Amino acid sequence: ITDEEELLKVFKLVDNYLHPKGLFIFDMNTEYKF
């Protein structure tokens, strides 16, 4: 997801579909790696 606003959109959907106290776990490559 190369656009910050679109990444926020993904996060909002995650928020919408997570059960209360549910967890969102994700990984990302770092700028150091790139």
Full PDB file with SEQRES, HELIX, SHEET, SSBOND, CRYST1, ORIGX, SCALE, CONECT and MASTER records, all heavy atoms in Angstrom:
SEQRES   1 A   34  ILE THR ASP GLU GLU GLU LEU LEU LYS VAL PHE LYS LEU          
SEQRES   2 A   34  VAL ASP ASN TYR LEU HIS PRO LYS GLY LEU PHE ILE PHE          
SEQRES   3 A   34  ASP MET ASN THR GLU TYR LYS PHE                              
HELIX    1 AA1 GLU A    4  TYR A   17  1                                  14    
CRYST1    1.000    1.000    1.000  90.00  90.00  90.00 P 1           1          
ORIGX1      1.000000  0.000000  0.000000        0.00000                         
ORIGX2      0.000000  1.000000  0.000000        0.00000                         
ORIGX3      0.000000  0.000000  1.000000        0.00000                         
SCALE1      1.000000  0.000000  0.000000        0.00000                         
SCALE2      0.000000  1.000000  0.000000        0.00000                         
SCALE3      0.000000  0.000000  1.000000        0.00000                         
ATOM      1  N   ILE A   1       0.879  -1.171   0.000  1.00  0.00           N  
ATOM      2  CA  ILE A   1       0.000   0.000   0.000  1.00  0.00           C  
ATOM      3  C   ILE A   1       0.915   1.219   0.000  1.00  0.00           C  
ATOM      4  O   ILE A   1       1.471   1.608   1.029  1.00  0.00           O  
ATOM      5  CB  ILE A   1      -0.922   0.011   1.236  1.00  0.00           C  
ATOM      6  CG1 ILE A   1      -1.677  -1.313   1.363  1.00  0.00           C  
ATOM      7  CG2 ILE A   1      -1.883   1.188   1.154  1.00  0.00           C  
ATOM      8  CD1 ILE A   1      -2.620  -1.593   0.229  1.00  0.00           C  
ATOM      9  N   THR A   2       1.078   1.841  -1.144  1.00  0.00           N  
ATOM     10  CA  THR A   2       2.094   2.884  -1.292  1.00  0.00           C  
ATOM     11  C   THR A   2       1.569   4.303  -1.069  1.00  0.00           C  
ATOM     12  O   THR A   2       2.314   5.268  -1.221  1.00  0.00           O  
ATOM     13  CB  THR A   2       2.746   2.806  -2.688  1.00  0.00           C  
ATOM     14  OG1 THR A   2       1.741   2.947  -3.688  1.00  0.00           O  
ATOM     15  CG2 THR A   2       3.466   1.475  -2.872  1.00  0.00           C  
ATOM     16  N   ASP A   3       0.297   4.421  -0.714  1.00  0.00           N  
ATOM     17  CA  ASP A   3      -0.296   5.727  -0.427  1.00  0.00           C  
ATOM     18  C   ASP A   3      -0.746   5.740   1.029  1.00  0.00           C  
ATOM     19  O   ASP A   3      -1.457   4.838   1.480  1.00  0.00           O  
ATOM     20  CB  ASP A   3      -1.488   5.998  -1.351  1.00  0.00           C  
ATOM     21  CG  ASP A   3      -2.131   7.336  -1.084  1.00  0.00           C  
ATOM     22  OD1 ASP A   3      -1.640   8.352  -1.602  1.00  0.00           O  
ATOM     23  OD2 ASP A   3      -3.128   7.360  -0.335  1.00  0.00           O  
ATOM     24  N   GLU A   4      -0.337   6.743   1.761  1.00  0.00           N  
ATOM     25  CA  GLU A   4      -0.625   6.806   3.192  1.00  0.00           C  
ATOM     26  C   GLU A   4      -2.123   6.822   3.488  1.00  0.00           C  
ATOM     27  O   GLU A   4      -2.587   6.188   4.440  1.00  0.00           O  
ATOM     28  CB  GLU A   4       0.055   8.040   3.801  1.00  0.00           C  
ATOM     29  CG  GLU A   4       0.041   8.077   5.306  1.00  0.00           C  
ATOM     30  CD  GLU A   4       0.893   9.210   5.862  1.00  0.00           C  
ATOM     31  OE1 GLU A   4       2.063   9.342   5.439  1.00  0.00           O  
ATOM     32  OE2 GLU A   4       0.384   9.968   6.706  1.00  0.00           O  
ATOM     33  N   GLU A   5      -2.893   7.543   2.684  1.00  0.00           N  
ATOM     34  CA  GLU A   5      -4.337   7.598   2.903  1.00  0.00           C  
ATOM     35  C   GLU A   5      -4.994   6.236   2.658  1.00  0.00           C  
ATOM     36  O   GLU A   5      -5.951   5.870   3.331  1.00  0.00           O  
ATOM     37  CB  GLU A   5      -4.968   8.666   1.999  1.00  0.00           C  
ATOM     38  CG  GLU A   5      -4.668  10.093   2.440  1.00  0.00           C  
ATOM     39  CD  GLU A   5      -5.124  10.369   3.867  1.00  0.00           C  
ATOM     40  OE1 GLU A   5      -6.276  10.008   4.192  1.00  0.00           O  
ATOM     41  OE2 GLU A   5      -4.326  10.928   4.638  1.00  0.00           O  
ATOM     42  N   GLU A   6      -4.463   5.494   1.697  1.00  0.00           N  
ATOM     43  CA  GLU A   6      -5.008   4.159   1.441  1.00  0.00           C  
ATOM     44  C   GLU A   6      -4.636   3.195   2.558  1.00  0.00           C  
ATOM     45  O   GLU A   6      -5.418   2.302   2.905  1.00  0.00           O  
ATOM     46  CB  GLU A   6      -4.524   3.645   0.089  1.00  0.00           C  
ATOM     47  CG  GLU A   6      -5.133   4.387  -1.085  1.00  0.00           C  
ATOM     48  CD  GLU A   6      -4.913   3.673  -2.403  1.00  0.00           C  
ATOM     49  OE1 GLU A   6      -3.967   2.857  -2.507  1.00  0.00           O  
ATOM     50  OE2 GLU A   6      -5.695   3.933  -3.336  1.00  0.00           O  
ATOM     51  N   LEU A   7      -3.450   3.371   3.138  1.00  0.00           N  
ATOM     52  CA  LEU A   7      -3.078   2.537   4.282  1.00  0.00           C  
ATOM     53  C   LEU A   7      -4.000   2.834   5.457  1.00  0.00           C  
ATOM     54  O   LEU A   7      -4.434   1.909   6.166  1.00  0.00           O  
ATOM     55  CB  LEU A   7      -1.623   2.794   4.671  1.00  0.00           C  
ATOM     56  CG  LEU A   7      -1.070   1.888   5.773  1.00  0.00           C  
ATOM     57  CD1 LEU A   7      -1.130   0.425   5.375  1.00  0.00           C  
ATOM     58  CD2 LEU A   7       0.370   2.283   6.116  1.00  0.00           C  
ATOM     59  N   LEU A   8      -4.335   4.093   5.658  1.00  0.00           N  
ATOM     60  CA  LEU A   8      -5.290   4.452   6.705  1.00  0.00           C  
ATOM     61  C   LEU A   8      -6.645   3.802   6.436  1.00  0.00           C  
ATOM     62  O   LEU A   8      -7.313   3.323   7.361  1.00  0.00           O  
ATOM     63  CB  LEU A   8      -5.433   5.972   6.792  1.00  0.00           C  
ATOM     64  CG  LEU A   8      -6.479   6.503   7.786  1.00  0.00           C  
ATOM     65  CD1 LEU A   8      -6.178   6.043   9.207  1.00  0.00           C  
ATOM     66  CD2 LEU A   8      -6.558   8.025   7.704  1.00  0.00           C  
ATOM     67  N   LYS A   9      -7.030   3.756   5.183  1.00  0.00           N  
ATOM     68  CA  LYS A   9      -8.297   3.124   4.816  1.00  0.00           C  
ATOM     69  C   LYS A   9      -8.297   1.648   5.188  1.00  0.00           C  
ATOM     70  O   LYS A   9      -9.288   1.123   5.709  1.00  0.00           O  
ATOM     71  CB  LYS A   9      -8.538   3.287   3.311  1.00  0.00           C  
ATOM     72  CG  LYS A   9      -9.904   2.819   2.835  1.00  0.00           C  
ATOM     73  CD  LYS A   9     -10.072   3.124   1.350  1.00  0.00           C  
ATOM     74  CE  LYS A   9     -11.437   2.663   0.851  1.00  0.00           C  
ATOM     75  NZ  LYS A   9     -11.621   2.950  -0.591  1.00  0.00           N  
ATOM     76  N   VAL A  10      -7.169   0.963   4.935  1.00  0.00           N  
ATOM     77  CA  VAL A  10      -7.051  -0.441   5.328  1.00  0.00           C  
ATOM     78  C   VAL A  10      -7.185  -0.574   6.839  1.00  0.00           C  
ATOM     79  O   VAL A  10      -7.915  -1.440   7.347  1.00  0.00           O  
ATOM     80  CB  VAL A  10      -5.709  -1.035   4.861  1.00  0.00           C  
ATOM     81  CG1 VAL A  10      -5.544  -2.465   5.390  1.00  0.00           C  
ATOM     82  CG2 VAL A  10      -5.622  -1.032   3.342  1.00  0.00           C  
ATOM     83  N   PHE A  11      -6.488   0.288   7.573  1.00  0.00           N  
ATOM     84  CA  PHE A  11      -6.532   0.229   9.038  1.00  0.00           C  
ATOM     85  C   PHE A  11      -7.948   0.471   9.559  1.00  0.00           C  
ATOM     86  O   PHE A  11      -8.367  -0.142  10.552  1.00  0.00           O  
ATOM     87  CB  PHE A  11      -5.577   1.259   9.638  1.00  0.00           C  
ATOM     88  CG  PHE A  11      -4.116   0.889   9.535  1.00  0.00           C  
ATOM     89  CD1 PHE A  11      -3.703  -0.288   8.930  1.00  0.00           C  
ATOM     90  CD2 PHE A  11      -3.141   1.734  10.050  1.00  0.00           C  
ATOM     91  CE1 PHE A  11      -2.361  -0.632   8.835  1.00  0.00           C  
ATOM     92  CE2 PHE A  11      -1.793   1.405   9.969  1.00  0.00           C  
ATOM     93  CZ  PHE A  11      -1.402   0.220   9.365  1.00  0.00           C  
ATOM     94  N   LYS A  12      -8.690   1.355   8.918  1.00  0.00           N  
ATOM     95  CA  LYS A  12     -10.068   1.618   9.352  1.00  0.00           C  
ATOM     96  C   LYS A  12     -10.956   0.401   9.111  1.00  0.00           C  
ATOM     97  O   LYS A  12     -11.846   0.098   9.917  1.00  0.00           O  
ATOM     98  CB  LYS A  12     -10.628   2.842   8.623  1.00  0.00           C  
ATOM     99  CG  LYS A  12     -10.067   4.158   9.127  1.00  0.00           C  
ATOM    100  CD  LYS A  12     -10.696   5.350   8.403  1.00  0.00           C  
ATOM    101  CE  LYS A  12     -10.186   6.668   8.978  1.00  0.00           C  
ATOM    102  NZ  LYS A  12     -10.796   7.848   8.274  1.00  0.00           N  
ATOM    103  N   LEU A  13     -10.718  -0.302   8.012  1.00  0.00           N  
ATOM    104  CA  LEU A  13     -11.473  -1.529   7.761  1.00  0.00           C  
ATOM    105  C   LEU A  13     -11.122  -2.595   8.790  1.00  0.00           C  
ATOM    106  O   LEU A  13     -11.996  -3.324   9.275  1.00  0.00           O  
ATOM    107  CB  LEU A  13     -11.194  -2.038   6.343  1.00  0.00           C  
ATOM    108  CG  LEU A  13     -11.828  -1.241   5.207  1.00  0.00           C  
ATOM    109  CD1 LEU A  13     -11.291  -1.707   3.855  1.00  0.00           C  
ATOM    110  CD2 LEU A  13     -13.348  -1.385   5.243  1.00  0.00           C  
ATOM    111  N   VAL A  14      -9.850  -2.692   9.119  1.00  0.00           N  
ATOM    112  CA  VAL A  14      -9.424  -3.622  10.169  1.00  0.00           C  
ATOM    113  C   VAL A  14     -10.135  -3.287  11.473  1.00  0.00           C  
ATOM    114  O   VAL A  14     -10.676  -4.168  12.158  1.00  0.00           O  
ATOM    115  CB  VAL A  14      -7.892  -3.567  10.355  1.00  0.00           C  
ATOM    116  CG1 VAL A  14      -7.480  -4.294  11.627  1.00  0.00           C  
ATOM    117  CG2 VAL A  14      -7.185  -4.167   9.150  1.00  0.00           C  
ATOM    118  N   ASP A  15     -10.140  -2.010  11.828  1.00  0.00           N  
ATOM    119  CA  ASP A  15     -10.832  -1.558  13.038  1.00  0.00           C  
ATOM    120  C   ASP A  15     -12.305  -1.940  13.006  1.00  0.00           C  
ATOM    121  O   ASP A  15     -12.881  -2.360  14.015  1.00  0.00           O  
ATOM    122  CB  ASP A  15     -10.682  -0.038  13.156  1.00  0.00           C  
ATOM    123  CG  ASP A  15     -11.518   0.561  14.270  1.00  0.00           C  
ATOM    124  OD1 ASP A  15     -11.168   0.365  15.447  1.00  0.00           O  
ATOM    125  OD2 ASP A  15     -12.531   1.214  13.956  1.00  0.00           O  
ATOM    126  N   ASN A  16     -12.912  -1.839  11.836  1.00  0.00           N  
ATOM    127  CA  ASN A  16     -14.339  -2.131  11.687  1.00  0.00           C  
ATOM    128  C   ASN A  16     -14.659  -3.598  11.908  1.00  0.00           C  
ATOM    129  O   ASN A  16     -15.703  -3.944  12.457  1.00  0.00           O  
ATOM    130  CB  ASN A  16     -14.798  -1.709  10.289  1.00  0.00           C  
ATOM    131  CG  ASN A  16     -16.301  -1.741  10.131  1.00  0.00           C  
ATOM    132  OD1 ASN A  16     -17.030  -1.210  10.958  1.00  0.00           O  
ATOM    133  ND2 ASN A  16     -16.772  -2.364   9.067  1.00  0.00           N  
ATOM    134  N   TYR A  17     -13.736  -4.489  11.490  1.00  0.00           N  
ATOM    135  CA  TYR A  17     -14.037  -5.917  11.515  1.00  0.00           C  
ATOM    136  C   TYR A  17     -13.363  -6.674  12.661  1.00  0.00           C  
ATOM    137  O   TYR A  17     -13.499  -7.897  12.740  1.00  0.00           O  
ATOM    138  CB  TYR A  17     -13.652  -6.555  10.177  1.00  0.00           C  
ATOM    139  CG  TYR A  17     -14.593  -6.165   9.067  1.00  0.00           C  
ATOM    140  CD1 TYR A  17     -14.162  -5.326   8.036  1.00  0.00           C  
ATOM    141  CD2 TYR A  17     -15.914  -6.601   9.058  1.00  0.00           C  
ATOM    142  CE1 TYR A  17     -15.031  -4.949   7.016  1.00  0.00           C  
ATOM    143  CE2 TYR A  17     -16.785  -6.225   8.052  1.00  0.00           C  
ATOM    144  CZ  TYR A  17     -16.339  -5.405   7.024  1.00  0.00           C  
ATOM    145  OH  TYR A  17     -17.214  -5.038   6.018  1.00  0.00           O  
ATOM    146  N   LEU A  18     -12.674  -5.958  13.533  1.00  0.00           N  
ATOM    147  CA  LEU A  18     -12.087  -6.617  14.692  1.00  0.00           C  
ATOM    148  C   LEU A  18     -13.083  -6.665  15.842  1.00  0.00           C  
ATOM    149  O   LEU A  18     -13.732  -5.672  16.171  1.00  0.00           O  
ATOM    150  CB  LEU A  18     -10.832  -5.873  15.158  1.00  0.00           C  
ATOM    151  CG  LEU A  18      -9.480  -6.361  14.657  1.00  0.00           C  
ATOM    152  CD1 LEU A  18      -8.372  -5.518  15.280  1.00  0.00           C  
ATOM    153  CD2 LEU A  18      -9.242  -7.831  14.951  1.00  0.00           C  
ATOM    154  N   HIS A  19     -13.169  -7.833  16.456  1.00  0.00           N  
ATOM    155  CA  HIS A  19     -13.964  -7.991  17.672  1.00  0.00           C  
ATOM    156  C   HIS A  19     -13.361  -7.124  18.781  1.00  0.00           C  
ATOM    157  O   HIS A  19     -12.149  -6.918  18.805  1.00  0.00           O  
ATOM    158  CB  HIS A  19     -13.950  -9.464  18.088  1.00  0.00           C  
ATOM    159  CG  HIS A  19     -14.981  -9.809  19.114  1.00  0.00           C  
ATOM    160  ND1 HIS A  19     -16.307  -9.989  18.806  1.00  0.00           N  
ATOM    161  CD2 HIS A  19     -14.876 -10.014  20.453  1.00  0.00           C  
ATOM    162  CE1 HIS A  19     -16.980 -10.296  19.907  1.00  0.00           C  
ATOM    163  NE2 HIS A  19     -16.135 -10.319  20.925  1.00  0.00           N  
ATOM    164  N   PRO A  20     -14.180  -6.589  19.700  1.00  0.00           N  
ATOM    165  CA  PRO A  20     -13.633  -5.800  20.807  1.00  0.00           C  
ATOM    166  C   PRO A  20     -12.484  -6.522  21.507  1.00  0.00           C  
ATOM    167  O   PRO A  20     -12.581  -7.704  21.822  1.00  0.00           O  
ATOM    168  CB  PRO A  20     -14.832  -5.621  21.728  1.00  0.00           C  
ATOM    169  CG  PRO A  20     -16.008  -5.645  20.807  1.00  0.00           C  
ATOM    170  CD  PRO A  20     -15.656  -6.642  19.744  1.00  0.00           C  
ATOM    171  N   LYS A  21     -11.384  -5.813  21.714  1.00  0.00           N  
ATOM    172  CA  LYS A  21     -10.146  -6.320  22.316  1.00  0.00           C  
ATOM    173  C   LYS A  21      -9.398  -7.269  21.395  1.00  0.00           C  
ATOM    174  O   LYS A  21      -8.404  -7.882  21.802  1.00  0.00           O  
ATOM    175  CB  LYS A  21     -10.414  -6.978  23.673  1.00  0.00           C  
ATOM    176  CG  LYS A  21     -10.985  -6.026  24.717  1.00  0.00           C  
ATOM    177  CD  LYS A  21     -11.127  -6.700  26.064  1.00  0.00           C  
ATOM    178  CE  LYS A  21     -11.689  -5.717  27.096  1.00  0.00           C  
ATOM    179  NZ  LYS A  21     -11.845  -6.349  28.434  1.00  0.00           N  
ATOM    180  N   GLY A  22      -9.857  -7.401  20.148  1.00  0.00           N  
ATOM    181  CA  GLY A  22      -9.133  -8.209  19.181  1.00  0.00           C  
ATOM    182  C   GLY A  22      -7.831  -7.551  18.775  1.00  0.00           C  
ATOM    183  O   GLY A  22      -7.627  -6.341  18.971  1.00  0.00           O  
ATOM    184  N   LEU A  23      -6.931  -8.338  18.197  1.00  0.00           N  
ATOM    185  CA  LEU A  23      -5.605  -7.840  17.842  1.00  0.00           C  
ATOM    186  C   LEU A  23      -5.412  -7.765  16.331  1.00  0.00           C  
ATOM    187  O   LEU A  23      -5.911  -8.606  15.582  1.00  0.00           O  
ATOM    188  CB  LEU A  23      -4.518  -8.745  18.417  1.00  0.00           C  
ATOM    189  CG  LEU A  23      -4.355  -8.777  19.940  1.00  0.00           C  
ATOM    190  CD1 LEU A  23      -3.228  -9.731  20.308  1.00  0.00           C  
ATOM    191  CD2 LEU A  23      -4.097  -7.392  20.516  1.00  0.00           C  
ATOM    192  N   PHE A  24      -4.663  -6.767  15.924  1.00  0.00           N  
ATOM    193  CA  PHE A  24      -4.193  -6.614  14.553  1.00  0.00           C  
ATOM    194  C   PHE A  24      -2.676  -6.772  14.598  1.00  0.00           C  
ATOM    195  O   PHE A  24      -1.976  -5.987  15.247  1.00  0.00           O  
ATOM    196  CB  PHE A  24      -4.590  -5.237  14.026  1.00  0.00           C  
ATOM    197  CG  PHE A  24      -4.146  -4.938  12.620  1.00  0.00           C  
ATOM    198  CD1 PHE A  24      -4.034  -5.935  11.663  1.00  0.00           C  
ATOM    199  CD2 PHE A  24      -3.862  -3.627  12.244  1.00  0.00           C  
ATOM    200  CE1 PHE A  24      -3.637  -5.644  10.363  1.00  0.00           C  
ATOM    201  CE2 PHE A  24      -3.470  -3.329  10.947  1.00  0.00           C  
ATOM    202  CZ  PHE A  24      -3.359  -4.339  10.009  1.00  0.00           C  
ATOM    203  N   ILE A  25      -2.162  -7.808  13.939  1.00  0.00           N  
ATOM    204  CA  ILE A  25      -0.729  -8.096  13.940  1.00  0.00           C  
ATOM    205  C   ILE A  25      -0.239  -8.082  12.497  1.00  0.00           C  
ATOM    206  O   ILE A  25      -0.781  -8.799  11.655  1.00  0.00           O  
ATOM    207  CB  ILE A  25      -0.439  -9.471  14.585  1.00  0.00           C  
ATOM    208  CG1 ILE A  25      -0.967  -9.522  16.023  1.00  0.00           C  
ATOM    209  CG2 ILE A  25       1.058  -9.773  14.556  1.00  0.00           C  
ATOM    210  CD1 ILE A  25      -0.927 -10.911  16.646  1.00  0.00           C  
ATOM    211  N   PHE A  26       0.768  -7.279  12.235  1.00  0.00           N  
ATOM    212  CA  PHE A  26       1.277  -7.206  10.863  1.00  0.00           C  
ATOM    213  C   PHE A  26       2.768  -6.894  10.879  1.00  0.00           C  
ATOM    214  O   PHE A  26       3.306  -6.390  11.860  1.00  0.00           O  
ATOM    215  CB  PHE A  26       0.515  -6.159  10.044  1.00  0.00           C  
ATOM    216  CG  PHE A  26       0.605  -4.745  10.569  1.00  0.00           C  
ATOM    217  CD1 PHE A  26       1.552  -3.857  10.068  1.00  0.00           C  
ATOM    218  CD2 PHE A  26      -0.280  -4.292  11.548  1.00  0.00           C  
ATOM    219  CE1 PHE A  26       1.628  -2.552  10.534  1.00  0.00           C  
ATOM    220  CE2 PHE A  26      -0.206  -2.989  12.024  1.00  0.00           C  
ATOM    221  CZ  PHE A  26       0.740  -2.109  11.515  1.00  0.00           C  
ATOM    222  N   ASP A  27       3.430  -7.238   9.781  1.00  0.00           N  
ATOM    223  CA  ASP A  27       4.844  -6.932   9.652  1.00  0.00           C  
ATOM    224  C   ASP A  27       5.071  -5.989   8.483  1.00  0.00           C  
ATOM    225  O   ASP A  27       4.239  -5.889   7.578  1.00  0.00           O  
ATOM    226  CB  ASP A  27       5.681  -8.209   9.493  1.00  0.00           C  
ATOM    227  CG  ASP A  27       5.461  -8.905   8.163  1.00  0.00           C  
ATOM    228  OD1 ASP A  27       5.815  -8.333   7.120  1.00  0.00           O  
ATOM    229  OD2 ASP A  27       4.932 -10.028   8.152  1.00  0.00           O  
ATOM    230  N   MET A  28       6.207  -5.317   8.514  1.00  0.00           N  
ATOM    231  CA  MET A  28       6.603  -4.424   7.426  1.00  0.00           C  
ATOM    232  C   MET A  28       8.099  -4.480   7.224  1.00  0.00           C  
ATOM    233  O   MET A  28       8.863  -4.574   8.196  1.00  0.00           O  
ATOM    234  CB  MET A  28       6.198  -2.975   7.729  1.00  0.00           C  
ATOM    235  CG  MET A  28       4.742  -2.643   7.471  1.00  0.00           C  
ATOM    236  SD  MET A  28       4.441  -0.873   7.676  1.00  0.00           S  
ATOM    237  CE  MET A  28       2.983  -0.671   6.640  1.00  0.00           C  
ATOM    238  N   ASN A  29       8.514  -4.419   5.959  1.00  0.00           N  
ATOM    239  CA  ASN A  29       9.919  -4.189   5.654  1.00  0.00           C  
ATOM    240  C   ASN A  29      10.278  -2.768   6.043  1.00  0.00           C  
ATOM    241  O   ASN A  29       9.457  -1.847   5.934  1.00  0.00           O  
ATOM    242  CB  ASN A  29      10.190  -4.395   4.165  1.00  0.00           C  
ATOM    243  CG  ASN A  29      10.297  -5.846   3.776  1.00  0.00           C  
ATOM    244  OD1 ASN A  29      10.704  -6.696   4.569  1.00  0.00           O  
ATOM    245  ND2 ASN A  29       9.932  -6.157   2.539  1.00  0.00           N  
ATOM    246  N   THR A  30      11.517  -2.563   6.462  1.00  0.00           N  
ATOM    247  CA  THR A  30      11.959  -1.242   6.898  1.00  0.00           C  
ATOM    248  C   THR A  30      12.700  -0.502   5.786  1.00  0.00           C  
ATOM    249  O   THR A  30      13.163  -1.107   4.814  1.00  0.00           O  
ATOM    250  CB  THR A  30      12.909  -1.358   8.100  1.00  0.00           C  
ATOM    251  OG1 THR A  30      14.103  -2.039   7.679  1.00  0.00           O  
ATOM    252  CG2 THR A  30      12.252  -2.129   9.245  1.00  0.00           C  
ATOM    253  N   GLU A  31      12.843   0.799   5.985  1.00  0.00           N  
ATOM    254  CA  GLU A  31      13.629   1.576   5.025  1.00  0.00           C  
ATOM    255  C   GLU A  31      15.082   1.112   5.017  1.00  0.00           C  
ATOM    256  O   GLU A  31      15.736   1.098   3.969  1.00  0.00           O  
ATOM    257  CB  GLU A  31      13.555   3.068   5.329  1.00  0.00           C  
ATOM    258  CG  GLU A  31      14.317   3.887   4.298  1.00  0.00           C  
ATOM    259  CD  GLU A  31      14.141   5.387   4.440  1.00  0.00           C  
ATOM    260  OE1 GLU A  31      13.764   5.843   5.531  1.00  0.00           O  
ATOM    261  OE2 GLU A  31      14.387   6.094   3.447  1.00  0.00           O  
ATOM    262  N   TYR A  32      15.594   0.709   6.178  1.00  0.00           N  
ATOM    263  CA  TYR A  32      16.971   0.206   6.229  1.00  0.00           C  
ATOM    264  C   TYR A  32      17.141  -0.958   5.259  1.00  0.00           C  
ATOM    265  O   TYR A  32      18.145  -1.032   4.546  1.00  0.00           O  
ATOM    266  CB  TYR A  32      17.317  -0.239   7.654  1.00  0.00           C  
ATOM    267  CG  TYR A  32      18.685  -0.888   7.749  1.00  0.00           C  
ATOM    268  CD1 TYR A  32      19.827  -0.111   7.930  1.00  0.00           C  
ATOM    269  CD2 TYR A  32      18.835  -2.268   7.613  1.00  0.00           C  
ATOM    270  CE1 TYR A  32      21.090  -0.697   7.991  1.00  0.00           C  
ATOM    271  CE2 TYR A  32      20.095  -2.864   7.662  1.00  0.00           C  
ATOM    272  CZ  TYR A  32      21.212  -2.073   7.853  1.00  0.00           C  
ATOM    273  OH  TYR A  32      22.449  -2.659   7.895  1.00  0.00           O  
ATOM    274  N   LYS A  33      16.178  -1.856   5.226  1.00  0.00           N  
ATOM    275  CA  LYS A  33      16.265  -3.018   4.339  1.00  0.00           C  
ATOM    276  C   LYS A  33      16.242  -2.589   2.877  1.00  0.00           C  
ATOM    277  O   LYS A  33      17.055  -3.058   2.067  1.00  0.00           O  
ATOM    278  CB  LYS A  33      15.115  -3.980   4.625  1.00  0.00           C  
ATOM    279  CG  LYS A  33      15.162  -5.270   3.828  1.00  0.00           C  
ATOM    280  CD  LYS A  33      14.050  -6.208   4.276  1.00  0.00           C  
ATOM    281  CE  LYS A  33      14.137  -7.553   3.591  1.00  0.00           C  
ATOM    282  NZ  LYS A  33      13.078  -8.484   4.074  1.00  0.00           N  
ATOM    283  N   PHE A  34      15.310  -1.709   2.532  1.00  0.00           N  
ATOM    284  CA  PHE A  34      15.223  -1.246   1.150  1.00  0.00           C  
ATOM    285  C   PHE A  34      16.497  -0.506   0.742  1.00  0.00           C  
ATOM    286  O   PHE A  34      17.014  -0.702  -0.363  1.00  0.00           O  
ATOM    287  CB  PHE A  34      14.023  -0.316   0.969  1.00  0.00           C  
ATOM    288  CG  PHE A  34      12.685  -0.987   1.101  1.00  0.00           C  
ATOM    289  CD1 PHE A  34      11.633  -0.340   1.728  1.00  0.00           C  
ATOM    290  CD2 PHE A  34      12.469  -2.247   0.586  1.00  0.00           C  
ATOM    291  CE1 PHE A  34      10.392  -0.937   1.838  1.00  0.00           C  
ATOM    292  CE2 PHE A  34      11.229  -2.862   0.691  1.00  0.00           C  
ATOM    293  CZ  PHE A  34      10.187  -2.202   1.324  1.00  0.00           C  
TER     294      PHE A  34                                                      
MASTER        0    0    0    1    0    0    0    6  293    1    0    3          
END                                                                             
